[in-house]
Amino acid sequence: MGTTTSSGYVTSDGLDIYYEIHGGPPDGARAPFVLLPGGAMTIETAFADDLLPLLSRQRPVIAMEMQGHGHTGDRNGAITLDQMARDASAVLTHLQVARAHFIGHSLGALVSFGVAISHPEQVASITAVGATYTFDDM
């Protein structure tokens, strides 16, 4: 799966959000990539075989597992995009990353949109793979 530089948890609104850093620590010189897997996926099942090693050769990559996915537990109540966007923002704040290039698959893309709406200063760009912009008519 490539070399994990580090991994850890950031507490956001009472939940420990899991993240991994690949390709070296973010250094402030270049905005890192942020990878957000789709629903019911983990970092390993979504990105490990191809995208993660490719991107981590170019710049640091921060991969996250959102609420109820992989290494991240669940909260009481509904899972919301707004909360997941706050969680992703909290990881970047904890890691002292000012701006990042988000790459989100499906649900991960929706979370990326949420970060762009609620914390636009943290988003350098978004690459949305297989995403809608609302849940209407789904």
Protein backbone atom coordinates (compact mmCIF):
# COMPACT_ATOMS: atom_id res chain seq x y z
CA MET A 1 0.00 0.00 0.00
CA GLY A 2 2.88 2.46 0.03
CA THR A 3 4.66 3.76 3.05
CA THR A 4 2.58 5.42 5.72
CA THR A 5 4.52 8.32 7.15
CA SER A 6 2.22 8.49 10.14
CA SER A 7 -1.31 7.91 11.29
CA GLY A 8 -3.41 9.10 14.15
CA TYR A 9 -6.70 10.42 15.39
CA VAL A 10 -8.09 13.91 15.79
CA THR A 11 -11.02 14.45 18.14
CA SER A 12 -13.82 16.41 16.49
CA ASP A 13 -17.05 17.03 18.38
CA GLY A 14 -16.38 14.04 20.61
CA LEU A 15 -15.40 11.53 17.88
CA ASP A 16 -11.87 10.38 17.06
CA ILE A 17 -11.36 10.79 13.30
CA TYR A 18 -8.69 8.51 11.79
CA TYR A 19 -6.16 9.84 9.29
CA GLU A 20 -2.98 8.69 7.58
CA ILE A 21 -0.21 10.77 6.06
CA HIS A 22 1.72 9.38 3.10
CA GLY A 23 4.61 10.87 1.14
CA GLY A 24 6.12 12.77 4.03
CA PRO A 25 4.67 15.29 6.45
CA PRO A 26 2.87 18.37 5.15
CA ASP A 27 5.45 21.15 5.19
CA GLY A 28 3.53 24.23 4.14
CA ALA A 29 5.51 24.57 0.90
CA ARG A 30 2.93 22.75 -1.21
CA ALA A 31 -0.73 22.13 -0.49
CA PRO A 32 -1.14 18.40 0.22
CA PHE A 33 -3.75 16.15 -1.33
CA VAL A 34 -6.64 15.04 0.89
CA LEU A 35 -8.21 11.71 -0.05
CA LEU A 36 -11.76 11.00 1.12
CA PRO A 37 -13.16 7.52 0.35
CA GLY A 38 -16.73 6.82 -0.65
CA GLY A 39 -19.44 5.43 1.60
CA ALA A 40 -18.71 2.06 3.24
CA MET A 41 -15.09 2.29 2.04
CA THR A 42 -11.77 2.67 3.82
CA ILE A 43 -8.51 4.25 2.77
CA GLU A 44 -7.20 0.82 1.86
CA THR A 45 -10.19 -0.31 -0.20
CA ALA A 46 -10.61 3.01 -2.02
CA PHE A 47 -7.12 4.27 -2.79
CA ALA A 48 -4.31 1.96 -1.64
CA ASP A 49 -3.55 0.04 -4.80
CA ASP A 50 -3.20 2.88 -7.25
CA LEU A 51 -4.08 6.47 -6.42
CA LEU A 52 -2.43 6.72 -3.00
CA PRO A 53 1.04 5.57 -4.13
CA LEU A 54 0.85 7.69 -7.30
CA LEU A 55 -0.10 10.90 -5.49
CA SER A 56 2.24 10.40 -2.54
CA ARG A 57 5.20 10.48 -4.94
CA GLN A 58 4.18 14.02 -5.92
CA ARG A 59 3.39 15.63 -2.56
CA PRO A 60 2.10 14.73 0.91
CA VAL A 61 -1.25 12.95 1.03
CA ILE A 62 -3.65 13.04 3.97
CA ALA A 63 -6.20 10.24 3.79
CA MET A 64 -9.15 10.25 6.18
CA GLU A 65 -11.84 7.81 7.26
CA MET A 66 -15.04 9.64 8.11
CA GLN A 67 -17.62 8.83 10.77
CA GLY A 68 -18.68 5.18 10.75
CA HIS A 69 -15.99 4.14 8.27
CA GLY A 70 -12.89 2.00 8.79
CA HIS A 71 -10.92 3.03 11.87
CA THR A 72 -13.34 5.85 12.77
CA GLY A 73 -16.22 5.02 15.07
CA ASP A 74 -19.73 6.38 15.04
CA ARG A 75 -21.66 9.01 16.98
CA ASN A 76 -25.17 8.82 18.34
CA GLY A 77 -27.67 10.23 15.87
CA ALA A 78 -27.64 10.70 12.15
CA ILE A 79 -24.51 10.96 10.04
CA THR A 80 -24.61 14.32 8.26
CA LEU A 81 -22.50 15.91 5.55
CA ASP A 82 -22.15 19.06 7.63
CA GLN A 83 -20.66 17.11 10.52
CA MET A 84 -18.32 15.13 8.27
CA ALA A 85 -17.15 18.41 6.70
CA ARG A 86 -16.44 19.79 10.20
CA ASP A 87 -14.53 16.60 10.98
CA ALA A 88 -12.38 16.86 7.83
CA SER A 89 -11.70 20.52 8.60
CA ALA A 90 -10.69 19.59 12.15
CA VAL A 91 -8.10 17.13 10.85
CA LEU A 92 -6.54 19.82 8.64
CA THR A 93 -6.58 22.34 11.48
CA HIS A 94 -4.92 19.83 13.82
CA LEU A 95 -2.22 19.09 11.23
CA GLN A 96 -1.73 22.84 10.64
CA VAL A 97 -2.58 22.53 6.94
CA ALA A 98 -3.83 25.86 5.63
CA ARG A 99 -5.05 24.64 2.20
CA ALA A 100 -5.35 21.29 0.49
CA HIS A 101 -6.35 19.72 -2.82
CA PHE A 102 -9.34 17.49 -2.06
CA ILE A 103 -9.97 14.28 -3.99
CA GLY A 104 -13.23 12.68 -2.93
CA HIS A 105 -14.97 9.60 -4.20
CA SER A 106 -18.78 9.57 -4.00
CA LEU A 107 -19.57 10.36 -0.34
CA GLY A 108 -16.02 11.68 0.01
CA ALA A 109 -16.69 14.14 -2.80
CA LEU A 110 -19.81 15.36 -1.00
CA VAL A 111 -17.75 15.90 2.14
CA SER A 112 -15.25 17.86 0.03
CA PHE A 113 -18.08 20.09 -1.21
CA GLY A 114 -19.11 20.63 2.40
CA VAL A 115 -15.62 21.71 3.41
CA ALA A 116 -15.51 24.10 0.44
CA ILE A 117 -18.82 25.64 1.50
CA SER A 118 -18.13 25.90 5.23
CA HIS A 119 -14.32 26.39 5.20
CA PRO A 120 -13.42 27.71 1.72
CA GLU A 121 -10.06 28.96 2.94
CA GLN A 122 -8.95 25.33 3.43
CA VAL A 123 -9.74 24.20 -0.12
CA ALA A 124 -7.27 24.81 -2.95
CA SER A 125 -9.22 22.56 -5.36
CA ILE A 126 -11.68 19.66 -5.49
CA THR A 127 -11.61 16.64 -7.72
CA ALA A 128 -15.01 14.99 -7.30
CA VAL A 129 -15.29 11.41 -8.55
CA GLY A 130 -18.79 10.00 -8.95
CA ALA A 131 -20.71 12.56 -6.91
CA THR A 132 -24.03 14.33 -6.93
CA TYR A 133 -24.43 17.71 -5.32
CA THR A 134 -27.67 16.93 -3.47
CA PHE A 135 -29.55 13.90 -2.22
CA ASP A 136 -32.76 14.98 -4.05
CA ASP A 137 -34.41 12.14 -5.96
CA MET A 138 -31.89 9.54 -4.85
